[in-house]
Amino acid sequence: DPRELVRNPVIFVTAVVAALTTVLFVRDLFTGGTGPDAGANLAVV
Protein backbone atom coordinates (compact mmCIF):
# COMPACT_ATOMS: atom_id res chain seq x y z
CA ASP A 1 0.00 0.00 0.00
CA PRO A 2 1.60 3.34 -1.04
CA ARG A 3 0.48 4.84 2.28
CA GLU A 4 2.66 2.25 4.02
CA LEU A 5 5.58 2.44 1.58
CA VAL A 6 5.91 6.22 1.71
CA ARG A 7 7.11 5.97 5.32
CA ASN A 8 10.33 4.48 3.93
CA PRO A 9 11.55 6.81 1.14
CA VAL A 10 14.16 4.43 -0.26
CA ILE A 11 11.82 1.47 -0.59
CA PHE A 12 9.08 3.77 -1.87
CA VAL A 13 11.39 4.88 -4.71
CA THR A 14 12.22 1.23 -5.40
CA ALA A 15 8.51 0.40 -5.60
CA VAL A 16 7.90 3.34 -7.98
CA VAL A 17 10.77 2.12 -10.18
CA ALA A 18 9.38 -1.44 -10.07
CA ALA A 19 5.97 -0.13 -11.14
CA LEU A 20 7.58 1.82 -13.99
CA THR A 21 9.55 -1.17 -15.27
CA THR A 22 6.36 -3.24 -15.05
CA VAL A 23 4.61 -0.73 -17.32
CA LEU A 24 7.56 -0.76 -19.75
CA PHE A 25 7.66 -4.56 -19.77
CA VAL A 26 3.93 -4.81 -20.52
CA ARG A 27 4.31 -2.17 -23.26
CA ASP A 28 7.22 -3.98 -24.90
CA LEU A 29 5.42 -7.29 -24.53
CA PHE A 30 2.58 -6.00 -26.70
CA THR A 31 4.60 -3.76 -29.04
CA GLY A 32 7.48 -6.14 -29.62
CA GLY A 33 9.98 -3.73 -28.07
CA THR A 34 9.79 -1.06 -30.76
CA GLY A 35 9.41 1.96 -28.46
CA PRO A 36 11.71 4.97 -28.67
CA ASP A 37 13.71 3.77 -25.65
CA ALA A 38 13.84 0.11 -26.67
CA GLY A 39 17.13 -1.69 -26.80
CA ALA A 40 16.91 -4.00 -23.84
CA ASN A 41 16.08 -7.65 -24.35
CA LEU A 42 12.44 -8.27 -23.33
CA ALA A 43 13.50 -11.19 -21.12
CA VAL A 44 16.04 -8.96 -19.36
CA VAL A 45 13.37 -6.32 -18.74
All heavy atoms as atom14 arrays in JSON, in Angstrom:
{
  "sequence": "DPRELVRNPVIFVTAVVAALTTVLFVRDLFTGGTGPDAGANLAVV",
  "atom14_mask": [
    [1, 1, 1, 1, 1, 1, 1, 1, 0, 0, 0, 0, 0, 0],
    [1, 1, 1, 1, 1, 1, 1, 0, 0, 0, 0, 0, 0, 0],
    [1, 1, 1, 1, 1, 1, 1, 1, 1, 1, 1, 0, 0, 0],
    [1, 1, 1, 1, 1, 1, 1, 1, 1, 0, 0, 0, 0, 0],
    [1, 1, 1, 1, 1, 1, 1, 1, 0, 0, 0, 0, 0, 0],
    [1, 1, 1, 1, 1, 1, 1, 0, 0, 0, 0, 0, 0, 0],
    [1, 1, 1, 1, 1, 1, 1, 1, 1, 1, 1, 0, 0, 0],
    [1, 1, 1, 1, 1, 1, 1, 1, 0, 0, 0, 0, 0, 0],
    [1, 1, 1, 1, 1, 1, 1, 0, 0, 0, 0, 0, 0, 0],
    [1, 1, 1, 1, 1, 1, 1, 0, 0, 0, 0, 0, 0, 0],
    [1, 1, 1, 1, 1, 1, 1, 1, 0, 0, 0, 0, 0, 0],
    [1, 1, 1, 1, 1, 1, 1, 1, 1, 1, 1, 0, 0, 0],
    [1, 1, 1, 1, 1, 1, 1, 0, 0, 0, 0, 0, 0, 0],
    [1, 1, 1, 1, 1, 1, 1, 0, 0, 0, 0, 0, 0, 0],
    [1, 1, 1, 1, 1, 0, 0, 0, 0, 0, 0, 0, 0, 0],
    [1, 1, 1, 1, 1, 1, 1, 0, 0, 0, 0, 0, 0, 0],
    [1, 1, 1, 1, 1, 1, 1, 0, 0, 0, 0, 0, 0, 0],
    [1, 1, 1, 1, 1, 0, 0, 0, 0, 0, 0, 0, 0, 0],
    [1, 1, 1, 1, 1, 0, 0, 0, 0, 0, 0, 0, 0, 0],
    [1, 1, 1, 1, 1, 1, 1, 1, 0, 0, 0, 0, 0, 0],
    [1, 1, 1, 1, 1, 1, 1, 0, 0, 0, 0, 0, 0, 0],
    [1, 1, 1, 1, 1, 1, 1, 0, 0, 0, 0, 0, 0, 0],
    [1, 1, 1, 1, 1, 1, 1, 0, 0, 0, 0, 0, 0, 0],
    [1, 1, 1, 1, 1, 1, 1, 1, 0, 0, 0, 0, 0, 0],
    [1, 1, 1, 1, 1, 1, 1, 1, 1, 1, 1, 0, 0, 0],
    [1, 1, 1, 1, 1, 1, 1, 0, 0, 0, 0, 0, 0, 0],
    [1, 1, 1, 1, 1, 1, 1, 1, 1, 1, 1, 0, 0, 0],
    [1, 1, 1, 1, 1, 1, 1, 1, 0, 0, 0, 0, 0, 0],
    [1, 1, 1, 1, 1, 1, 1, 1, 0, 0, 0, 0, 0, 0],
    [1, 1, 1, 1, 1, 1, 1, 1, 1, 1, 1, 0, 0, 0],
    [1, 1, 1, 1, 1, 1, 1, 0, 0, 0, 0, 0, 0, 0],
    [1, 1, 1, 1, 0, 0, 0, 0, 0, 0, 0, 0, 0, 0],
    [1, 1, 1, 1, 0, 0, 0, 0, 0, 0, 0, 0, 0, 0],
    [1, 1, 1, 1, 1, 1, 1, 0, 0, 0, 0, 0, 0, 0],
    [1, 1, 1, 1, 0, 0, 0, 0, 0, 0, 0, 0, 0, 0],
    [1, 1, 1, 1, 1, 1, 1, 0, 0, 0, 0, 0, 0, 0],
    [1, 1, 1, 1, 1, 1, 1, 1, 0, 0, 0, 0, 0, 0],
    [1, 1, 1, 1, 1, 0, 0, 0, 0, 0, 0, 0, 0, 0],
    [1, 1, 1, 1, 0, 0, 0, 0, 0, 0, 0, 0, 0, 0],
    [1, 1, 1, 1, 1, 0, 0, 0, 0, 0, 0, 0, 0, 0],
    [1, 1, 1, 1, 1, 1, 1, 1, 0, 0, 0, 0, 0, 0],
    [1, 1, 1, 1, 1, 1, 1, 1, 0, 0, 0, 0, 0, 0],
    [1, 1, 1, 1, 1, 0, 0, 0, 0, 0, 0, 0, 0, 0],
    [1, 1, 1, 1, 1, 1, 1, 0, 0, 0, 0, 0, 0, 0],
    [1, 1, 1, 1, 1, 1, 1, 0, 0, 0, 0, 0, 0, 0]
  ],
  "atom14_positions": [
    [[0.86, -1.19, 0.0], [0.0, 0.0, 0.0], [0.9, 1.24, 0.0], [1.76, 1.39, 0.88], [-0.88, -0.03, 1.25], [-1.89, 1.14, 1.29], [-1.64, 2.17, 0.64], [-2.9, 1.01, 2.0], [0.0, 0.0, 0.0], [0.0, 0.0, 0.0], [0.0, 0.0, 0.0], [0.0, 0.0, 0.0], [0.0, 0.0, 0.0], [0.0, 0.0, 0.0]],
    [[0.75, 2.13, -0.98], [1.6, 3.34, -1.04], [1.62, 4.13, 0.26], [2.64, 4.76, 0.6], [0.98, 4.15, -2.18], [0.3, 3.13, -3.04], [-0.2, 2.07, -2.1], [0.0, 0.0, 0.0], [0.0, 0.0, 0.0], [0.0, 0.0, 0.0], [0.0, 0.0, 0.0], [0.0, 0.0, 0.0], [0.0, 0.0, 0.0], [0.0, 0.0, 0.0]],
    [[0.52, 4.11, 1.0], [0.48, 4.84, 2.28], [1.43, 4.23, 3.29], [1.92, 4.91, 4.2], [-0.95, 4.86, 2.83], [-1.92, 5.7, 1.99], [-3.34, 5.48, 2.41], [-3.76, 4.09, 2.18], [-4.99, 3.63, 2.4], [-5.93, 4.44, 2.87], [-5.29, 2.36, 2.17], [0.0, 0.0, 0.0], [0.0, 0.0, 0.0], [0.0, 0.0, 0.0]],
    [[1.69, 2.92, 3.16], [2.66, 2.25, 4.02], [4.08, 2.48, 3.49], [5.0, 2.78, 4.25], [2.36, 0.75, 4.07], [1.11, 0.37, 4.82], [1.35, 0.29, 6.32], [2.52, 0.14, 6.72], [0.38, 0.38, 7.08], [0.0, 0.0, 0.0], [0.0, 0.0, 0.0], [0.0, 0.0, 0.0], [0.0, 0.0, 0.0], [0.0, 0.0, 0.0]],
    [[4.24, 2.35, 2.18], [5.58, 2.44, 1.58], [6.2, 3.82, 1.74], [7.41, 3.95, 1.89], [5.5, 2.08, 0.09], [5.29, 0.6, -0.25], [5.06, 0.45, -1.75], [6.48, -0.23, 0.19], [0.0, 0.0, 0.0], [0.0, 0.0, 0.0], [0.0, 0.0, 0.0], [0.0, 0.0, 0.0], [0.0, 0.0, 0.0], [0.0, 0.0, 0.0]],
    [[5.37, 4.86, 1.7], [5.91, 6.22, 1.71], [6.63, 6.53, 3.01], [7.44, 7.48, 3.07], [4.77, 7.24, 1.45], [3.92, 7.44, 2.71], [5.33, 8.57, 0.94], [0.0, 0.0, 0.0], [0.0, 0.0, 0.0], [0.0, 0.0, 0.0], [0.0, 0.0, 0.0], [0.0, 0.0, 0.0], [0.0, 0.0, 0.0], [0.0, 0.0, 0.0]],
    [[6.4, 5.75, 4.06], [7.11, 5.97, 5.32], [8.59, 5.62, 5.2], [9.39, 6.02, 6.03], [6.47, 5.14, 6.44], [5.04, 5.55, 6.78], [4.51, 4.8, 7.96], [4.54, 3.35, 7.75], [4.3, 2.45, 8.69], [4.03, 2.85, 9.91], [4.33, 1.17, 8.42], [0.0, 0.0, 0.0], [0.0, 0.0, 0.0], [0.0, 0.0, 0.0]],
    [[8.94, 4.84, 4.18], [10.33, 4.48, 3.93], [10.71, 4.99, 2.54], [10.46, 4.33, 1.53], [10.5, 2.96, 4.01], [11.95, 2.54, 4.01], [12.8, 3.18, 3.41], [12.24, 1.42, 4.67], [0.0, 0.0, 0.0], [0.0, 0.0, 0.0], [0.0, 0.0, 0.0], [0.0, 0.0, 0.0], [0.0, 0.0, 0.0], [0.0, 0.0, 0.0]],
    [[11.31, 6.18, 2.44], [11.55, 6.81, 1.14], [12.31, 5.94, 0.15], [12.0, 5.92, -1.04], [12.35, 8.07, 1.5], [12.0, 8.35, 2.93], [11.78, 7.01, 3.55], [0.0, 0.0, 0.0], [0.0, 0.0, 0.0], [0.0, 0.0, 0.0], [0.0, 0.0, 0.0], [0.0, 0.0, 0.0], [0.0, 0.0, 0.0], [0.0, 0.0, 0.0]],
    [[13.33, 5.23, 0.64], [14.16, 4.43, -0.26], [13.35, 3.3, -0.89], [13.39, 3.07, -2.1], [15.38, 3.86, 0.49], [16.19, 2.94, -0.41], [16.27, 5.0, 0.99], [0.0, 0.0, 0.0], [0.0, 0.0, 0.0], [0.0, 0.0, 0.0], [0.0, 0.0, 0.0], [0.0, 0.0, 0.0], [0.0, 0.0, 0.0], [0.0, 0.0, 0.0]],
    [[12.61, 2.58, -0.07], [11.82, 1.47, -0.59], [10.65, 1.99, -1.41], [10.23, 1.36, -2.39], [11.32, 0.57, 0.57], [12.53, 0.01, 1.33], [10.47, -0.57, 0.06], [13.52, -0.75, 0.46], [0.0, 0.0, 0.0], [0.0, 0.0, 0.0], [0.0, 0.0, 0.0], [0.0, 0.0, 0.0], [0.0, 0.0, 0.0], [0.0, 0.0, 0.0]],
    [[10.15, 3.17, -1.06], [9.08, 3.77, -1.87], [9.59, 4.06, -3.28], [8.91, 3.77, -4.28], [8.6, 5.06, -1.21], [7.54, 5.8, -1.99], [6.24, 5.31, -2.06], [7.85, 6.97, -2.67], [5.27, 5.98, -2.8], [6.89, 7.65, -3.41], [5.58, 7.14, -3.46], [0.0, 0.0, 0.0], [0.0, 0.0, 0.0], [0.0, 0.0, 0.0]],
    [[10.8, 4.62, -3.39], [11.39, 4.88, -4.71], [11.58, 3.57, -5.47], [11.31, 3.48, -6.67], [12.74, 5.62, -4.55], [13.48, 5.67, -5.88], [12.51, 7.02, -4.03], [0.0, 0.0, 0.0], [0.0, 0.0, 0.0], [0.0, 0.0, 0.0], [0.0, 0.0, 0.0], [0.0, 0.0, 0.0], [0.0, 0.0, 0.0], [0.0, 0.0, 0.0]],
    [[12.04, 2.54, -4.76], [12.22, 1.23, -5.4], [10.9, 0.69, -5.93], [10.83, 0.14, -7.04], [12.83, 0.23, -4.4], [14.03, 0.78, -3.85], [13.15, -1.09, -5.08], [0.0, 0.0, 0.0], [0.0, 0.0, 0.0], [0.0, 0.0, 0.0], [0.0, 0.0, 0.0], [0.0, 0.0, 0.0], [0.0, 0.0, 0.0], [0.0, 0.0, 0.0]],
    [[9.83, 0.86, -5.16], [8.51, 0.4, -5.6], [8.03, 1.19, -6.82], [7.45, 0.62, -7.76], [7.51, 0.52, -4.45], [0.0, 0.0, 0.0], [0.0, 0.0, 0.0], [0.0, 0.0, 0.0], [0.0, 0.0, 0.0], [0.0, 0.0, 0.0], [0.0, 0.0, 0.0], [0.0, 0.0, 0.0], [0.0, 0.0, 0.0], [0.0, 0.0, 0.0]],
    [[8.28, 2.51, -6.83], [7.9, 3.34, -7.98], [8.65, 2.87, -9.22], [8.08, 2.75, -10.32], [8.18, 4.83, -7.69], [8.02, 5.65, -8.96], [7.24, 5.34, -6.6], [0.0, 0.0, 0.0], [0.0, 0.0, 0.0], [0.0, 0.0, 0.0], [0.0, 0.0, 0.0], [0.0, 0.0, 0.0], [0.0, 0.0, 0.0], [0.0, 0.0, 0.0]],
    [[9.96, 2.6, -9.06], [10.77, 2.12, -10.18], [10.26, 0.76, -10.66], [10.17, 0.51, -11.87], [12.25, 2.04, -9.76], [13.06, 1.27, -10.8], [12.82, 3.43, -9.56], [0.0, 0.0, 0.0], [0.0, 0.0, 0.0], [0.0, 0.0, 0.0], [0.0, 0.0, 0.0], [0.0, 0.0, 0.0], [0.0, 0.0, 0.0], [0.0, 0.0, 0.0]],
    [[9.9, -0.12, -9.7], [9.38, -1.44, -10.07], [8.08, -1.3, -10.86], [7.85, -2.02, -11.84], [9.16, -2.28, -8.82], [0.0, 0.0, 0.0], [0.0, 0.0, 0.0], [0.0, 0.0, 0.0], [0.0, 0.0, 0.0], [0.0, 0.0, 0.0], [0.0, 0.0, 0.0], [0.0, 0.0, 0.0], [0.0, 0.0, 0.0], [0.0, 0.0, 0.0]],
    [[7.23, -0.36, -10.42], [5.97, -0.13, -11.14], [6.24, 0.39, -12.56], [5.59, -0.02, -13.53], [5.11, 0.85, -10.36], [0.0, 0.0, 0.0], [0.0, 0.0, 0.0], [0.0, 0.0, 0.0], [0.0, 0.0, 0.0], [0.0, 0.0, 0.0], [0.0, 0.0, 0.0], [0.0, 0.0, 0.0], [0.0, 0.0, 0.0], [0.0, 0.0, 0.0]],
    [[7.23, 1.27, -12.69], [7.58, 1.82, -13.99], [8.11, 0.74, -14.92], [7.71, 0.66, -16.1], [8.61, 2.94, -13.83], [9.15, 3.56, -15.12], [8.02, 4.17, -15.94], [10.22, 4.6, -14.81], [0.0, 0.0, 0.0], [0.0, 0.0, 0.0], [0.0, 0.0, 0.0], [0.0, 0.0, 0.0], [0.0, 0.0, 0.0], [0.0, 0.0, 0.0]],
    [[9.01, -0.1, -14.43], [9.55, -1.17, -15.27], [8.46, -2.17, -15.64], [8.51, -2.77, -16.72], [10.71, -1.89, -14.56], [10.26, -2.43, -13.31], [11.88, -0.95, -14.32], [0.0, 0.0, 0.0], [0.0, 0.0, 0.0], [0.0, 0.0, 0.0], [0.0, 0.0, 0.0], [0.0, 0.0, 0.0], [0.0, 0.0, 0.0], [0.0, 0.0, 0.0]],
    [[7.49, -2.35, -14.73], [6.36, -3.24, -15.05], [5.58, -2.69, -16.24], [5.21, -3.43, -17.18], [5.44, -3.38, -13.83], [6.18, -3.9, -12.73], [4.27, -4.31, -14.14], [0.0, 0.0, 0.0], [0.0, 0.0, 0.0], [0.0, 0.0, 0.0], [0.0, 0.0, 0.0], [0.0, 0.0, 0.0], [0.0, 0.0, 0.0], [0.0, 0.0, 0.0]],
    [[5.33, -1.38, -16.22], [4.61, -0.73, -17.32], [5.4, -0.89, -18.62], [4.85, -1.22, -19.69], [4.35, 0.76, -17.01], [3.82, 1.49, -18.24], [3.39, 0.89, -15.84], [0.0, 0.0, 0.0], [0.0, 0.0, 0.0], [0.0, 0.0, 0.0], [0.0, 0.0, 0.0], [0.0, 0.0, 0.0], [0.0, 0.0, 0.0], [0.0, 0.0, 0.0]],
    [[6.72, -0.65, -18.56], [7.56, -0.76, -19.75], [7.59, -2.19, -20.27], [7.59, -2.43, -21.5], [8.98, -0.28, -19.44], [9.12, 1.21, -19.1], [10.56, 1.53, -18.7], [8.7, 2.09, -20.28], [0.0, 0.0, 0.0], [0.0, 0.0, 0.0], [0.0, 0.0, 0.0], [0.0, 0.0, 0.0], [0.0, 0.0, 0.0], [0.0, 0.0, 0.0]],
    [[7.64, -3.15, -19.36], [7.66, -4.56, -19.77], [6.37, -4.94, -20.48], [6.39, -5.58, -21.54], [7.88, -5.45, -18.54], [7.77, -6.92, -18.85], [8.75, -7.56, -19.58], [6.67, -7.66, -18.41], [8.66, -8.93, -19.87], [6.57, -9.01, -18.69], [7.56, -9.65, -19.42], [0.0, 0.0, 0.0], [0.0, 0.0, 0.0], [0.0, 0.0, 0.0]],
    [[5.23, -4.51, -19.9], [3.93, -4.81, -20.52], [3.83, -4.13, -21.89], [3.35, -4.72, -22.87], [2.78, -4.37, -19.59], [1.43, -4.49, -20.31], [2.78, -5.19, -18.31], [0.0, 0.0, 0.0], [0.0, 0.0, 0.0], [0.0, 0.0, 0.0], [0.0, 0.0, 0.0], [0.0, 0.0, 0.0], [0.0, 0.0, 0.0], [0.0, 0.0, 0.0]],
    [[4.33, -2.88, -21.97], [4.31, -2.17, -23.26], [5.11, -2.91, -24.31], [4.64, -3.15, -25.44], [4.86, -0.76, -23.07], [4.83, 0.1, -24.33], [5.87, 1.2, -24.28], [7.23, 0.63, -24.26], [8.33, 1.38, -24.16], [8.23, 2.68, -24.06], [9.52, 0.8, -24.16], [0.0, 0.0, 0.0], [0.0, 0.0, 0.0], [0.0, 0.0, 0.0]],
    [[6.36, -3.29, -23.93], [7.22, -3.98, -24.9], [6.68, -5.36, -25.25], [6.91, -5.86, -26.36], [8.64, -4.1, -24.35], [9.35, -2.75, -24.28], [8.82, -1.78, -24.86], [10.43, -2.68, -23.66], [0.0, 0.0, 0.0], [0.0, 0.0, 0.0], [0.0, 0.0, 0.0], [0.0, 0.0, 0.0], [0.0, 0.0, 0.0], [0.0, 0.0, 0.0]],
    [[5.99, -5.96, -24.28], [5.42, -7.29, -24.53], [4.39, -7.23, -25.65], [4.29, -8.14, -26.48], [4.78, -7.82, -23.24], [4.24, -9.25, -23.27], [5.38, -10.24, -23.51], [3.54, -9.59, -21.96], [0.0, 0.0, 0.0], [0.0, 0.0, 0.0], [0.0, 0.0, 0.0], [0.0, 0.0, 0.0], [0.0, 0.0, 0.0], [0.0, 0.0, 0.0]],
    [[3.64, -6.12, -25.69], [2.58, -6.0, -26.7], [3.05, -5.29, -27.97], [2.45, -5.43, -29.03], [1.37, -5.27, -26.11], [0.59, -6.12, -25.13], [0.76, -5.96, -23.76], [-0.29, -7.08, -25.59], [0.05, -6.74, -22.87], [-1.01, -7.87, -24.69], [-0.84, -7.7, -23.32], [0.0, 0.0, 0.0], [0.0, 0.0, 0.0], [0.0, 0.0, 0.0]],
    [[4.14, -4.49, -27.86], [4.6, -3.76, -29.04], [5.8, -4.42, -29.7], [6.29, -3.96, -30.74], [4.98, -2.31, -28.66], [6.08, -2.35, -27.74], [3.8, -1.58, -28.05], [0.0, 0.0, 0.0], [0.0, 0.0, 0.0], [0.0, 0.0, 0.0], [0.0, 0.0, 0.0], [0.0, 0.0, 0.0], [0.0, 0.0, 0.0], [0.0, 0.0, 0.0]],
    [[6.31, -5.46, -29.05], [7.48, -6.14, -29.62], [8.77, -5.39, -29.38], [9.77, -5.63, -30.05], [0.0, 0.0, 0.0], [0.0, 0.0, 0.0], [0.0, 0.0, 0.0], [0.0, 0.0, 0.0], [0.0, 0.0, 0.0], [0.0, 0.0, 0.0], [0.0, 0.0, 0.0], [0.0, 0.0, 0.0], [0.0, 0.0, 0.0], [0.0, 0.0, 0.0]],
    [[8.75, -4.45, -28.41], [9.98, -3.73, -28.07], [10.41, -2.76, -29.13], [11.6, -2.66, -29.46], [0.0, 0.0, 0.0], [0.0, 0.0, 0.0], [0.0, 0.0, 0.0], [0.0, 0.0, 0.0], [0.0, 0.0, 0.0], [0.0, 0.0, 0.0], [0.0, 0.0, 0.0], [0.0, 0.0, 0.0], [0.0, 0.0, 0.0], [0.0, 0.0, 0.0]],
    [[9.46, -2.02, -29.69], [9.79, -1.06, -30.76], [9.68, 0.38, -30.29], [9.65, 1.3, -31.09], [8.85, -1.28, -31.95], [7.49, -1.11, -31.53], [9.03, -2.67, -32.54], [0.0, 0.0, 0.0], [0.0, 0.0, 0.0], [0.0, 0.0, 0.0], [0.0, 0.0, 0.0], [0.0, 0.0, 0.0], [0.0, 0.0, 0.0], [0.0, 0.0, 0.0]],
    [[9.55, 0.6, -28.98], [9.41, 1.96, -28.46], [10.66, 2.77, -28.66], [11.73, 2.26, -29.01], [0.0, 0.0, 0.0], [0.0, 0.0, 0.0], [0.0, 0.0, 0.0], [0.0, 0.0, 0.0], [0.0, 0.0, 0.0], [0.0, 0.0, 0.0], [0.0, 0.0, 0.0], [0.0, 0.0, 0.0], [0.0, 0.0, 0.0], [0.0, 0.0, 0.0]],
    [[10.56, 4.08, -28.45], [11.71, 4.97, -28.67], [12.89, 4.67, -27.75], [14.02, 5.01, -28.08], [11.12, 6.37, -28.4], [9.92, 6.12, -27.55], [9.37, 4.82, -28.0], [0.0, 0.0, 0.0], [0.0, 0.0, 0.0], [0.0, 0.0, 0.0], [0.0, 0.0, 0.0], [0.0, 0.0, 0.0], [0.0, 0.0, 0.0], [0.0, 0.0, 0.0]],
    [[12.63, 4.06, -26.58], [13.71, 3.77, -25.65], [14.0, 2.27, -25.6], [14.54, 1.76, -24.64], [13.37, 4.28, -24.25], [12.05, 3.7, -23.76], [11.38, 3.02, -24.56], [11.7, 3.94, -22.59], [0.0, 0.0, 0.0], [0.0, 0.0, 0.0], [0.0, 0.0, 0.0], [0.0, 0.0, 0.0], [0.0, 0.0, 0.0], [0.0, 0.0, 0.0]],
    [[13.58, 1.55, -26.63], [13.84, 0.11, -26.67], [15.33, -0.14, -26.84], [16.1, 0.74, -27.18], [13.06, -0.53, -27.81], [0.0, 0.0, 0.0], [0.0, 0.0, 0.0], [0.0, 0.0, 0.0], [0.0, 0.0, 0.0], [0.0, 0.0, 0.0], [0.0, 0.0, 0.0], [0.0, 0.0, 0.0], [0.0, 0.0, 0.0], [0.0, 0.0, 0.0]],
    [[15.71, -1.35, -26.7], [17.13, -1.69, -26.8], [17.5, -2.76, -25.82], [18.55, -3.39, -25.94], [0.0, 0.0, 0.0], [0.0, 0.0, 0.0], [0.0, 0.0, 0.0], [0.0, 0.0, 0.0], [0.0, 0.0, 0.0], [0.0, 0.0, 0.0], [0.0, 0.0, 0.0], [0.0, 0.0, 0.0], [0.0, 0.0, 0.0], [0.0, 0.0, 0.0]],
    [[16.67, -2.95, -24.82], [16.91, -4.0, -23.84], [16.13, -5.24, -24.26], [15.0, -5.14, -24.73], [16.49, -3.55, -22.46], [0.0, 0.0, 0.0], [0.0, 0.0, 0.0], [0.0, 0.0, 0.0], [0.0, 0.0, 0.0], [0.0, 0.0, 0.0], [0.0, 0.0, 0.0], [0.0, 0.0, 0.0], [0.0, 0.0, 0.0], [0.0, 0.0, 0.0]],
    [[16.75, -6.39, -24.09], [16.08, -7.65, -24.35], [14.84, -7.76, -23.47], [14.88, -7.45, -22.29], [17.07, -8.8, -24.07], [16.47, -10.14, -24.4], [15.57, -10.61, -23.72], [17.01, -10.76, -25.45], [0.0, 0.0, 0.0], [0.0, 0.0, 0.0], [0.0, 0.0, 0.0], [0.0, 0.0, 0.0], [0.0, 0.0, 0.0], [0.0, 0.0, 0.0]],
    [[13.7, -8.19, -24.08], [12.44, -8.27, -23.33], [12.57, -9.16, -22.11], [12.04, -8.85, -21.04], [11.33, -8.79, -24.25], [9.92, -8.81, -23.65], [9.46, -7.39, -23.29], [8.93, -9.43, -24.65], [0.0, 0.0, 0.0], [0.0, 0.0, 0.0], [0.0, 0.0, 0.0], [0.0, 0.0, 0.0], [0.0, 0.0, 0.0], [0.0, 0.0, 0.0]],
    [[13.32, -10.27, -22.25], [13.5, -11.19, -21.12], [14.28, -10.52, -19.99], [13.99, -10.71, -18.81], [14.23, -12.45, -21.58], [0.0, 0.0, 0.0], [0.0, 0.0, 0.0], [0.0, 0.0, 0.0], [0.0, 0.0, 0.0], [0.0, 0.0, 0.0], [0.0, 0.0, 0.0], [0.0, 0.0, 0.0], [0.0, 0.0, 0.0], [0.0, 0.0, 0.0]],
    [[15.26, -9.69, -20.38], [16.04, -8.96, -19.36], [15.15, -7.97, -18.62], [15.21, -7.85, -17.4], [17.23, -8.24, -20.02], [17.94, -7.35, -18.99], [18.21, -9.24, -20.61], [0.0, 0.0, 0.0], [0.0, 0.0, 0.0], [0.0, 0.0, 0.0], [0.0, 0.0, 0.0], [0.0, 0.0, 0.0], [0.0, 0.0, 0.0], [0.0, 0.0, 0.0]],
    [[14.29, -7.27, -19.38], [13.37, -6.32, -18.74], [12.46, -7.04, -17.76], [12.22, -6.57, -16.65], [12.53, -5.58, -19.81], [11.51, -4.66, -19.14], [13.43, -4.78, -20.72], [0.0, 0.0, 0.0], [0.0, 0.0, 0.0], [0.0, 0.0, 0.0], [0.0, 0.0, 0.0], [0.0, 0.0, 0.0], [0.0, 0.0, 0.0], [0.0, 0.0, 0.0]]
  ]
}
